[in-house]
Amino acid sequence: MFLFNKVATISSAELATQLSQKPVIIDVREKDEFAGGHIPGAQNIPLGELERFNGQADKVYLVCQSGMRSKQGAALLNSKGYEAINLKHGMIGWNGPIQR
């Protein structure tokens, strides 16, 4: 069992300021949700497939629609040794650019 309450979070405004640095962003929504609009540069790995993630980055940001699935995903990646940070309120709270 993962400790969901121990997951670090970041606000939409904070993440938006980091986009120019090309952070690793994983969108854990399903493919059709991702296609409807996502943060530019985000990779789509649905939550059910996240166990296979084997990226080279130490720090990753996770996003979903409301922040619940990405919080679960962040807890999973934290357990695998990544510094995984959840986007608070997910795409509902995202005020930055959207790619379609």
PDB file of N, CA and C in Angstrom:
ATOM      1  N   MET A   1       0.843  -1.184   0.000  1.00  0.00           N
ATOM      2  CA  MET A   1       0.000   0.000   0.000  1.00  0.00           C
ATOM      3  C   MET A   1       0.888   1.247   0.000  1.00  0.00           C
ATOM      4  N   PHE A   2       0.516   2.208  -0.824  1.00  0.00           N
ATOM      5  CA  PHE A   2       1.305   3.423  -0.951  1.00  0.00           C
ATOM      6  C   PHE A   2       0.767   4.500  -0.013  1.00  0.00           C
ATOM      7  N   LEU A   3       1.626   5.386   0.443  1.00  0.00           N
ATOM      8  CA  LEU A   3       1.232   6.460   1.342  1.00  0.00           C
ATOM      9  C   LEU A   3       0.839   7.687   0.527  1.00  0.00           C
ATOM     10  N   PHE A   4      -0.448   7.783   0.185  1.00  0.00           N
ATOM     11  CA  PHE A   4      -0.926   8.877  -0.657  1.00  0.00           C
ATOM     12  C   PHE A   4      -0.776  10.240   0.022  1.00  0.00           C
ATOM     13  N   ASN A   5      -0.898  10.281   1.351  1.00  0.00           N
ATOM     14  CA  ASN A   5      -0.832  11.568   2.033  1.00  0.00           C
ATOM     15  C   ASN A   5       0.595  12.110   2.125  1.00  0.00           C
ATOM     16  N   LYS A   6       1.582  11.337   1.750  1.00  0.00           N
ATOM     17  CA  LYS A   6       2.983  11.773   1.805  1.00  0.00           C
ATOM     18  C   LYS A   6       3.485  12.297   0.459  1.00  0.00           C
ATOM     19  N   VAL A   7       2.609  12.421  -0.513  1.00  0.00           N
ATOM     20  CA  VAL A   7       3.006  12.851  -1.850  1.00  0.00           C
ATOM     21  C   VAL A   7       3.154  14.370  -1.904  1.00  0.00           C
ATOM     22  N   ALA A   8       4.275  14.831  -2.441  1.00  0.00           N
ATOM     23  CA  ALA A   8       4.501  16.268  -2.624  1.00  0.00           C
ATOM     24  C   ALA A   8       3.591  16.784  -3.729  1.00  0.00           C
ATOM     25  N   THR A   9       3.169  18.037  -3.607  1.00  0.00           N
ATOM     26  CA  THR A   9       2.314  18.633  -4.627  1.00  0.00           C
ATOM     27  C   THR A   9       2.933  19.939  -5.124  1.00  0.00           C
ATOM     28  N   ILE A  10       2.482  20.339  -6.297  1.00  0.00           N
ATOM     29  CA  ILE A  10       2.895  21.604  -6.893  1.00  0.00           C
ATOM     30  C   ILE A  10       1.643  22.264  -7.452  1.00  0.00           C
ATOM     31  N   SER A  11       1.599  23.583  -7.400  1.00  0.00           N
ATOM     32  CA  SER A  11       0.442  24.301  -7.936  1.00  0.00           C
ATOM     33  C   SER A  11       0.591  24.467  -9.451  1.00  0.00           C
ATOM     34  N   SER A  12      -0.505  24.790 -10.073  1.00  0.00           N
ATOM     35  CA  SER A  12      -0.510  25.050 -11.509  1.00  0.00           C
ATOM     36  C   SER A  12       0.443  26.194 -11.852  1.00  0.00           C
ATOM     37  N   ALA A  13       0.394  27.252 -11.073  1.00  0.00           N
ATOM     38  CA  ALA A  13       1.258  28.412 -11.337  1.00  0.00           C
ATOM     39  C   ALA A  13       2.731  28.053 -11.201  1.00  0.00           C
ATOM     40  N   GLU A  14       3.063  27.258 -10.191  1.00  0.00           N
ATOM     41  CA  GLU A  14       4.464  26.861  -9.982  1.00  0.00           C
ATOM     42  C   GLU A  14       4.966  25.997 -11.135  1.00  0.00           C
ATOM     43  N   LEU A  15       4.158  25.034 -11.577  1.00  0.00           N
ATOM     44  CA  LEU A  15       4.586  24.169 -12.674  1.00  0.00           C
ATOM     45  C   LEU A  15       4.695  24.959 -13.973  1.00  0.00           C
ATOM     46  N   ALA A  16       3.786  25.879 -14.197  1.00  0.00           N
ATOM     47  CA  ALA A  16       3.820  26.686 -15.423  1.00  0.00           C
ATOM     48  C   ALA A  16       5.136  27.451 -15.548  1.00  0.00           C
ATOM     49  N   THR A  17       5.697  27.901 -14.429  1.00  0.00           N
ATOM     50  CA  THR A  17       6.967  28.639 -14.489  1.00  0.00           C
ATOM     51  C   THR A  17       8.136  27.736 -14.843  1.00  0.00           C
ATOM     52  N   GLN A  18       7.969  26.434 -14.719  1.00  0.00           N
ATOM     53  CA  GLN A  18       9.053  25.494 -14.988  1.00  0.00           C
ATOM     54  C   GLN A  18       9.000  24.882 -16.390  1.00  0.00           C
ATOM     55  N   LEU A  19       7.960  25.175 -17.163  1.00  0.00           N
ATOM     56  CA  LEU A  19       7.817  24.548 -18.481  1.00  0.00           C
ATOM     57  C   LEU A  19       8.990  24.833 -19.405  1.00  0.00           C
ATOM     58  N   SER A  20       9.594  26.010 -19.298  1.00  0.00           N
ATOM     59  CA  SER A  20      10.721  26.336 -20.180  1.00  0.00           C
ATOM     60  C   SER A  20      11.933  25.445 -19.909  1.00  0.00           C
ATOM     61  N   GLN A  21      11.986  24.827 -18.737  1.00  0.00           N
ATOM     62  CA  GLN A  21      13.089  23.928 -18.391  1.00  0.00           C
ATOM     63  C   GLN A  21      12.827  22.489 -18.845  1.00  0.00           C
ATOM     64  N   LYS A  22      11.702  22.265 -19.504  1.00  0.00           N
ATOM     65  CA  LYS A  22      11.323  20.955 -20.048  1.00  0.00           C
ATOM     66  C   LYS A  22      11.318  19.856 -18.972  1.00  0.00           C
ATOM     67  N   PRO A  23      10.523  20.035 -17.925  1.00  0.00           N
ATOM     68  CA  PRO A  23      10.450  18.999 -16.891  1.00  0.00           C
ATOM     69  C   PRO A  23       9.783  17.738 -17.428  1.00  0.00           C
ATOM     70  N   VAL A  24      10.024  16.619 -16.771  1.00  0.00           N
ATOM     71  CA  VAL A  24       9.361  15.368 -17.137  1.00  0.00           C
ATOM     72  C   VAL A  24       7.968  15.401 -16.512  1.00  0.00           C
ATOM     73  N   ILE A  25       6.951  15.437 -17.381  1.00  0.00           N
ATOM     74  CA  ILE A  25       5.554  15.473 -16.940  1.00  0.00           C
ATOM     75  C   ILE A  25       4.877  14.220 -17.475  1.00  0.00           C
ATOM     76  N   ILE A  26       4.264  13.467 -16.585  1.00  0.00           N
ATOM     77  CA  ILE A  26       3.538  12.264 -16.972  1.00  0.00           C
ATOM     78  C   ILE A  26       2.060  12.495 -16.712  1.00  0.00           C
ATOM     79  N   ASP A  27       1.266  12.375 -17.763  1.00  0.00           N
ATOM     80  CA  ASP A  27      -0.185  12.504 -17.669  1.00  0.00           C
ATOM     81  C   ASP A  27      -0.745  11.089 -17.557  1.00  0.00           C
ATOM     82  N   VAL A  28      -1.355  10.783 -16.414  1.00  0.00           N
ATOM     83  CA  VAL A  28      -1.811   9.418 -16.160  1.00  0.00           C
ATOM     84  C   VAL A  28      -3.258   9.182 -16.572  1.00  0.00           C
ATOM     85  N   ARG A  29      -3.842  10.125 -17.293  1.00  0.00           N
ATOM     86  CA  ARG A  29      -5.211   9.929 -17.782  1.00  0.00           C
ATOM     87  C   ARG A  29      -5.213   8.933 -18.941  1.00  0.00           C
ATOM     88  N   GLU A  30      -6.402   8.470 -19.287  1.00  0.00           N
ATOM     89  CA  GLU A  30      -6.539   7.561 -20.426  1.00  0.00           C
ATOM     90  C   GLU A  30      -6.247   8.325 -21.722  1.00  0.00           C
ATOM     91  N   LYS A  31      -5.930   7.570 -22.769  1.00  0.00           N
ATOM     92  CA  LYS A  31      -5.490   8.164 -24.028  1.00  0.00           C
ATOM     93  C   LYS A  31      -6.491   9.167 -24.612  1.00  0.00           C
ATOM     94  N   ASP A  32      -7.789   8.878 -24.528  1.00  0.00           N
ATOM     95  CA  ASP A  32      -8.785   9.801 -25.072  1.00  0.00           C
ATOM     96  C   ASP A  32      -8.851  11.093 -24.254  1.00  0.00           C
ATOM     97  N   GLU A  33      -8.657  11.005 -22.957  1.00  0.00           N
ATOM     98  CA  GLU A  33      -8.624  12.207 -22.117  1.00  0.00           C
ATOM     99  C   GLU A  33      -7.403  13.059 -22.490  1.00  0.00           C
ATOM    100  N   PHE A  34      -6.261  12.403 -22.639  1.00  0.00           N
ATOM    101  CA  PHE A  34      -5.015  13.080 -22.998  1.00  0.00           C
ATOM    102  C   PHE A  34      -5.162  13.790 -24.340  1.00  0.00           C
ATOM    103  N   ALA A  35      -5.788  13.121 -25.303  1.00  0.00           N
ATOM    104  CA  ALA A  35      -5.959  13.693 -26.641  1.00  0.00           C
ATOM    105  C   ALA A  35      -6.836  14.940 -26.610  1.00  0.00           C
ATOM    106  N   GLY A  36      -7.704  15.053 -25.625  1.00  0.00           N
ATOM    107  CA  GLY A  36      -8.584  16.207 -25.504  1.00  0.00           C
ATOM    108  C   GLY A  36      -7.877  17.474 -25.065  1.00  0.00           C
ATOM    109  N   GLY A  37      -6.654  17.358 -24.603  1.00  0.00           N
ATOM    110  CA  GLY A  37      -5.863  18.514 -24.197  1.00  0.00           C
ATOM    111  C   GLY A  37      -4.974  18.168 -23.030  1.00  0.00           C
ATOM    112  N   HIS A  38      -3.706  18.527 -23.152  1.00  0.00           N
ATOM    113  CA  HIS A  38      -2.723  18.196 -22.118  1.00  0.00           C
ATOM    114  C   HIS A  38      -1.654  19.287 -22.034  1.00  0.00           C
ATOM    115  N   ILE A  39      -0.841  19.201 -21.002  1.00  0.00           N
ATOM    116  CA  ILE A  39       0.255  20.146 -20.819  1.00  0.00           C
ATOM    117  C   ILE A  39       1.306  19.875 -21.900  1.00  0.00           C
ATOM    118  N   PRO A  40       1.764  20.902 -22.608  1.00  0.00           N
ATOM    119  CA  PRO A  40       2.766  20.690 -23.657  1.00  0.00           C
ATOM    120  C   PRO A  40       3.993  19.938 -23.127  1.00  0.00           C
ATOM    121  N   GLY A  41       4.406  18.932 -23.875  1.00  0.00           N
ATOM    122  CA  GLY A  41       5.579  18.145 -23.509  1.00  0.00           C
ATOM    123  C   GLY A  41       5.278  16.966 -22.602  1.00  0.00           C
ATOM    124  N   ALA A  42       4.042  16.846 -22.127  1.00  0.00           N
ATOM    125  CA  ALA A  42       3.693  15.738 -21.236  1.00  0.00           C
ATOM    126  C   ALA A  42       3.669  14.416 -21.999  1.00  0.00           C
ATOM    127  N   GLN A  43       4.080  13.350 -21.310  1.00  0.00           N
ATOM    128  CA  GLN A  43       3.985  11.988 -21.848  1.00  0.00           C
ATOM    129  C   GLN A  43       2.696  11.386 -21.320  1.00  0.00           C
ATOM    130  N   ASN A  44       2.028  10.592 -22.121  1.00  0.00           N
ATOM    131  CA  ASN A  44       0.815   9.928 -21.654  1.00  0.00           C
ATOM    132  C   ASN A  44       1.129   8.480 -21.276  1.00  0.00           C
ATOM    133  N   ILE A  45       1.038   8.201 -19.993  1.00  0.00           N
ATOM    134  CA  ILE A  45       1.152   6.836 -19.482  1.00  0.00           C
ATOM    135  C   ILE A  45      -0.017   6.653 -18.524  1.00  0.00           C
ATOM    136  N   PRO A  46      -1.114   6.020 -18.983  1.00  0.00           N
ATOM    137  CA  PRO A  46      -2.267   5.832 -18.106  1.00  0.00           C
ATOM    138  C   PRO A  46      -1.860   5.165 -16.784  1.00  0.00           C
ATOM    139  N   LEU A  47      -2.583   5.507 -15.721  1.00  0.00           N
ATOM    140  CA  LEU A  47      -2.249   5.017 -14.389  1.00  0.00           C
ATOM    141  C   LEU A  47      -2.079   3.503 -14.359  1.00  0.00           C
ATOM    142  N   GLY A  48      -2.926   2.775 -15.070  1.00  0.00           N
ATOM    143  CA  GLY A  48      -2.841   1.321 -15.089  1.00  0.00           C
ATOM    144  C   GLY A  48      -1.569   0.781 -15.726  1.00  0.00           C
ATOM    145  N   GLU A  49      -0.848   1.627 -16.458  1.00  0.00           N
ATOM    146  CA  GLU A  49       0.387   1.219 -17.132  1.00  0.00           C
ATOM    147  C   GLU A  49       1.630   1.859 -16.500  1.00  0.00           C
ATOM    148  N   LEU A  50       1.446   2.656 -15.460  1.00  0.00           N
ATOM    149  CA  LEU A  50       2.545   3.434 -14.891  1.00  0.00           C
ATOM    150  C   LEU A  50       3.643   2.579 -14.279  1.00  0.00           C
ATOM    151  N   GLU A  51       3.318   1.394 -13.856  1.00  0.00           N
ATOM    152  CA  GLU A  51       4.310   0.495 -13.260  1.00  0.00           C
ATOM    153  C   GLU A  51       5.490   0.272 -14.207  1.00  0.00           C
ATOM    154  N   ARG A  52       5.252   0.362 -15.522  1.00  0.00           N
ATOM    155  CA  ARG A  52       6.310   0.117 -16.514  1.00  0.00           C
ATOM    156  C   ARG A  52       7.246   1.311 -16.701  1.00  0.00           C
ATOM    157  N   PHE A  53       6.934   2.464 -16.116  1.00  0.00           N
ATOM    158  CA  PHE A  53       7.768   3.651 -16.296  1.00  0.00           C
ATOM    159  C   PHE A  53       9.173   3.375 -15.783  1.00  0.00           C
ATOM    160  N   ASN A  54      10.147   3.689 -16.631  1.00  0.00           N
ATOM    161  CA  ASN A  54      11.547   3.481 -16.284  1.00  0.00           C
ATOM    162  C   ASN A  54      12.362   4.637 -16.841  1.00  0.00           C
ATOM    163  N   GLY A  55      11.938   5.851 -16.506  1.00  0.00           N
ATOM    164  CA  GLY A  55      12.594   7.040 -17.038  1.00  0.00           C
ATOM    165  C   GLY A  55      13.923   7.321 -16.376  1.00  0.00           C
ATOM    166  N   GLN A  56      14.693   8.182 -17.007  1.00  0.00           N
ATOM    167  CA  GLN A  56      16.020   8.524 -16.517  1.00  0.00           C
ATOM    168  C   GLN A  56      16.012   9.744 -15.596  1.00  0.00           C
ATOM    169  N   ALA A  57      14.875  10.445 -15.505  1.00  0.00           N
ATOM    170  CA  ALA A  57      14.811  11.653 -14.682  1.00  0.00           C
ATOM    171  C   ALA A  57      14.667  11.298 -13.208  1.00  0.00           C
ATOM    172  N   ASP A  58      15.288  12.095 -12.367  1.00  0.00           N
ATOM    173  CA  ASP A  58      15.129  11.908 -10.924  1.00  0.00           C
ATOM    174  C   ASP A  58      13.805  12.479 -10.450  1.00  0.00           C
ATOM    175  N   LYS A  59      13.385  13.599 -11.062  1.00  0.00           N
ATOM    176  CA  LYS A  59      12.164  14.284 -10.650  1.00  0.00           C
ATOM    177  C   LYS A  59      11.142  14.208 -11.772  1.00  0.00           C
ATOM    178  N   VAL A  60       9.918  13.819 -11.425  1.00  0.00           N
ATOM    179  CA  VAL A  60       8.830  13.755 -12.397  1.00  0.00           C
ATOM    180  C   VAL A  60       7.589  14.402 -11.799  1.00  0.00           C
ATOM    181  N   TYR A  61       6.810  15.024 -12.663  1.00  0.00           N
ATOM    182  CA  TYR A  61       5.548  15.641 -12.271  1.00  0.00           C
ATOM    183  C   TYR A  61       4.427  14.811 -12.861  1.00  0.00           C
ATOM    184  N   LEU A  62       3.400  14.559 -12.061  1.00  0.00           N
ATOM    185  CA  LEU A  62       2.272  13.757 -12.527  1.00  0.00           C
ATOM    186  C   LEU A  62       1.003  14.580 -12.536  1.00  0.00           C
ATOM    187  N   VAL A  63       0.191  14.356 -13.558  1.00  0.00           N
ATOM    188  CA  VAL A  63      -1.061  15.092 -13.728  1.00  0.00           C
ATOM    189  C   VAL A  63      -2.161  14.142 -14.178  1.00  0.00           C
ATOM    190  N   CYS A  64      -3.383  14.428 -13.766  1.00  0.00           N
ATOM    191  CA  CYS A  64      -4.571  13.725 -14.259  1.00  0.00           C
ATOM    192  C   CYS A  64      -5.680  14.774 -14.380  1.00  0.00           C
ATOM    193  N   GLN A  65      -6.915  14.370 -14.332  1.00  0.00           N
ATOM    194  CA  GLN A  65      -8.007  15.329 -14.472  1.00  0.00           C
ATOM    195  C   GLN A  65      -8.202  16.176 -13.217  1.00  0.00           C
ATOM    196  N   SER A  66      -8.264  15.523 -12.036  1.00  0.00           N
ATOM    197  CA  SER A  66      -8.560  16.268 -10.803  1.00  0.00           C
ATOM    198  C   SER A  66      -7.446  16.219  -9.765  1.00  0.00           C
ATOM    199  N   GLY A  67      -6.460  15.353  -9.952  1.00  0.00           N
ATOM    200  CA  GLY A  67      -5.366  15.233  -9.002  1.00  0.00           C
ATOM    201  C   GLY A  67      -5.370  13.954  -8.189  1.00  0.00           C
ATOM    202  N   MET A  68      -6.413  13.143  -8.297  1.00  0.00           N
ATOM    203  CA  MET A  68      -6.483  11.917  -7.499  1.00  0.00           C
ATOM    204  C   MET A  68      -5.667  10.771  -8.116  1.00  0.00           C
ATOM    205  N   ARG A  69      -5.848  10.521  -9.414  1.00  0.00           N
ATOM    206  CA  ARG A  69      -5.080   9.443 -10.052  1.00  0.00           C
ATOM    207  C   ARG A  69      -3.593   9.776 -10.068  1.00  0.00           C
ATOM    208  N   SER A  70      -3.272  11.039 -10.312  1.00  0.00           N
ATOM    209  CA  SER A  70      -1.856  11.415 -10.340  1.00  0.00           C
ATOM    210  C   SER A  70      -1.241  11.319  -8.950  1.00  0.00           C
ATOM    211  N   LYS A  71      -2.022  11.527  -7.920  1.00  0.00           N
ATOM    212  CA  LYS A  71      -1.514  11.357  -6.552  1.00  0.00           C
ATOM    213  C   LYS A  71      -1.180   9.884  -6.313  1.00  0.00           C
ATOM    214  N   GLN A  72      -2.026   8.990  -6.790  1.00  0.00           N
ATOM    215  CA  GLN A  72      -1.747   7.550  -6.690  1.00  0.00           C
ATOM    216  C   GLN A  72      -0.491   7.203  -7.485  1.00  0.00           C
ATOM    217  N   GLY A  73      -0.385   7.762  -8.695  1.00  0.00           N
ATOM    218  CA  GLY A  73       0.788   7.517  -9.528  1.00  0.00           C
ATOM    219  C   GLY A  73       2.064   8.043  -8.905  1.00  0.00           C
ATOM    220  N   ALA A  74       1.980   9.216  -8.281  1.00  0.00           N
ATOM    221  CA  ALA A  74       3.159   9.788  -7.619  1.00  0.00           C
ATOM    222  C   ALA A  74       3.599   8.889  -6.468  1.00  0.00           C
ATOM    223  N   ALA A  75       2.643   8.365  -5.713  1.00  0.00           N
ATOM    224  CA  ALA A  75       2.984   7.459  -4.607  1.00  0.00           C
ATOM    225  C   ALA A  75       3.679   6.203  -5.143  1.00  0.00           C
ATOM    226  N   LEU A  76       3.193   5.684  -6.270  1.00  0.00           N
ATOM    227  CA  LEU A  76       3.810   4.508  -6.891  1.00  0.00           C
ATOM    228  C   LEU A  76       5.252   4.807  -7.302  1.00  0.00           C
ATOM    229  N   LEU A  77       5.454   5.927  -8.008  1.00  0.00           N
ATOM    230  CA  LEU A  77       6.806   6.265  -8.469  1.00  0.00           C
ATOM    231  C   LEU A  77       7.728   6.612  -7.303  1.00  0.00           C
ATOM    232  N   ASN A  78       7.193   7.231  -6.260  1.00  0.00           N
ATOM    233  CA  ASN A  78       8.007   7.488  -5.068  1.00  0.00           C
ATOM    234  C   ASN A  78       8.511   6.171  -4.486  1.00  0.00           C
ATOM    235  N   SER A  79       7.660   5.155  -4.498  1.00  0.00           N
ATOM    236  CA  SER A  79       8.059   3.850  -3.952  1.00  0.00           C
ATOM    237  C   SER A  79       9.135   3.182  -4.803  1.00  0.00           C
ATOM    238  N   LYS A  80       9.265   3.641  -6.063  1.00  0.00           N
ATOM    239  CA  LYS A  80      10.293   3.114  -6.964  1.00  0.00           C
ATOM    240  C   LYS A  80      11.560   3.973  -6.955  1.00  0.00           C
ATOM    241  N   GLY A  81      11.601   4.983  -6.078  1.00  0.00           N
ATOM    242  CA  GLY A  81      12.802   5.789  -5.926  1.00  0.00           C
ATOM    243  C   GLY A  81      12.815   7.119  -6.664  1.00  0.00           C
ATOM    244  N   TYR A  82      11.748   7.455  -7.362  1.00  0.00           N
ATOM    245  CA  TYR A  82      11.679   8.739  -8.058  1.00  0.00           C
ATOM    246  C   TYR A  82      11.205   9.822  -7.095  1.00  0.00           C
ATOM    247  N   GLU A  83      11.567  11.052  -7.376  1.00  0.00           N
ATOM    248  CA  GLU A  83      10.957  12.194  -6.697  1.00  0.00           C
ATOM    249  C   GLU A  83       9.765  12.574  -7.567  1.00  0.00           C
ATOM    250  N   ALA A  84       8.587  12.093  -7.187  1.00  0.00           N
ATOM    251  CA  ALA A  84       7.376  12.298  -7.971  1.00  0.00           C
ATOM    252  C   ALA A  84       6.493  13.330  -7.280  1.00  0.00           C
ATOM    253  N   ILE A  85       6.064  14.316  -8.053  1.00  0.00           N
ATOM    254  CA  ILE A  85       5.306  15.440  -7.516  1.00  0.00           C
ATOM    255  C   ILE A  85       3.967  15.533  -8.245  1.00  0.00           C
ATOM    256  N   ASN A  86       2.912  15.630  -7.469  1.00  0.00           N
ATOM    257  CA  ASN A  86       1.550  15.669  -7.993  1.00  0.00           C
ATOM    258  C   ASN A  86       1.124  17.102  -8.311  1.00  0.00           C
ATOM    259  N   LEU A  87       0.483  17.295  -9.476  1.00  0.00           N
ATOM    260  CA  LEU A  87      -0.079  18.602  -9.810  1.00  0.00           C
ATOM    261  C   LEU A  87      -1.409  18.741  -9.080  1.00  0.00           C
ATOM    262  N   LYS A  88      -1.451  19.662  -8.126  1.00  0.00           N
ATOM    263  CA  LYS A  88      -2.647  19.892  -7.319  1.00  0.00           C
ATOM    264  C   LYS A  88      -3.815  20.299  -8.215  1.00  0.00           C
ATOM    265  N   HIS A  89      -4.936  19.659  -8.057  1.00  0.00           N
ATOM    266  CA  HIS A  89      -6.182  19.898  -8.798  1.00  0.00           C
ATOM    267  C   HIS A  89      -6.109  19.476 -10.273  1.00  0.00           C
ATOM    268  N   GLY A  90      -5.024  18.871 -10.704  1.00  0.00           N
ATOM    269  CA  GLY A  90      -4.923  18.325 -12.056  1.00  0.00           C
ATOM    270  C   GLY A  90      -5.239  19.317 -13.158  1.00  0.00           C
ATOM    271  N   MET A  91      -5.749  18.792 -14.260  1.00  0.00           N
ATOM    272  CA  MET A  91      -6.054  19.634 -15.418  1.00  0.00           C
ATOM    273  C   MET A  91      -7.224  20.577 -15.134  1.00  0.00           C
ATOM    274  N   ILE A  92      -8.079  20.232 -14.187  1.00  0.00           N
ATOM    275  CA  ILE A  92      -9.170  21.138 -13.816  1.00  0.00           C
ATOM    276  C   ILE A  92      -8.607  22.464 -13.317  1.00  0.00           C
ATOM    277  N   GLY A  93      -7.506  22.401 -12.577  1.00  0.00           N
ATOM    278  CA  GLY A  93      -6.895  23.606 -12.034  1.00  0.00           C
ATOM    279  C   GLY A  93      -5.777  24.188 -12.872  1.00  0.00           C
ATOM    280  N   TRP A  94      -5.452  23.557 -13.988  1.00  0.00           N
ATOM    281  CA  TRP A  94      -4.343  24.008 -14.830  1.00  0.00           C
ATOM    282  C   TRP A  94      -4.715  25.287 -15.564  1.00  0.00           C
ATOM    283  N   ASN A  95      -3.895  26.334 -15.408  1.00  0.00           N
ATOM    284  CA  ASN A  95      -4.134  27.621 -16.062  1.00  0.00           C
ATOM    285  C   ASN A  95      -3.100  27.912 -17.135  1.00  0.00           C
ATOM    286  N   GLY A  96      -2.173  26.975 -17.358  1.00  0.00           N
ATOM    287  CA  GLY A  96      -1.127  27.188 -18.338  1.00  0.00           C
ATOM    288  C   GLY A  96      -1.558  26.765 -19.739  1.00  0.00           C
ATOM    289  N   PRO A  97      -0.589  26.690 -20.648  1.00  0.00           N
ATOM    290  CA  PRO A  97      -0.885  26.315 -22.036  1.00  0.00           C
ATOM    291  C   PRO A  97      -1.370  24.877 -22.136  1.00  0.00           C
ATOM    292  N   ILE A  98      -2.196  24.637 -23.153  1.00  0.00           N
ATOM    293  CA  ILE A  98      -2.734  23.299 -23.415  1.00  0.00           C
ATOM    294  C   ILE A  98      -2.446  22.927 -24.862  1.00  0.00           C
ATOM    295  N   GLN A  99      -1.968  21.728 -25.058  1.00  0.00           N
ATOM    296  CA  GLN A  99      -1.680  21.197 -26.392  1.00  0.00           C
ATOM    297  C   GLN A  99      -2.763  20.193 -26.741  1.00  0.00           C
ATOM    298  N   ARG A 100      -3.219  20.238 -27.967  1.00  0.00           N
ATOM    299  CA  ARG A 100      -4.245  19.282 -28.447  1.00  0.00           C
ATOM    300  C   ARG A 100      -3.722  18.545 -29.647  1.00  0.00           C
TER     301      ARG A 100
END
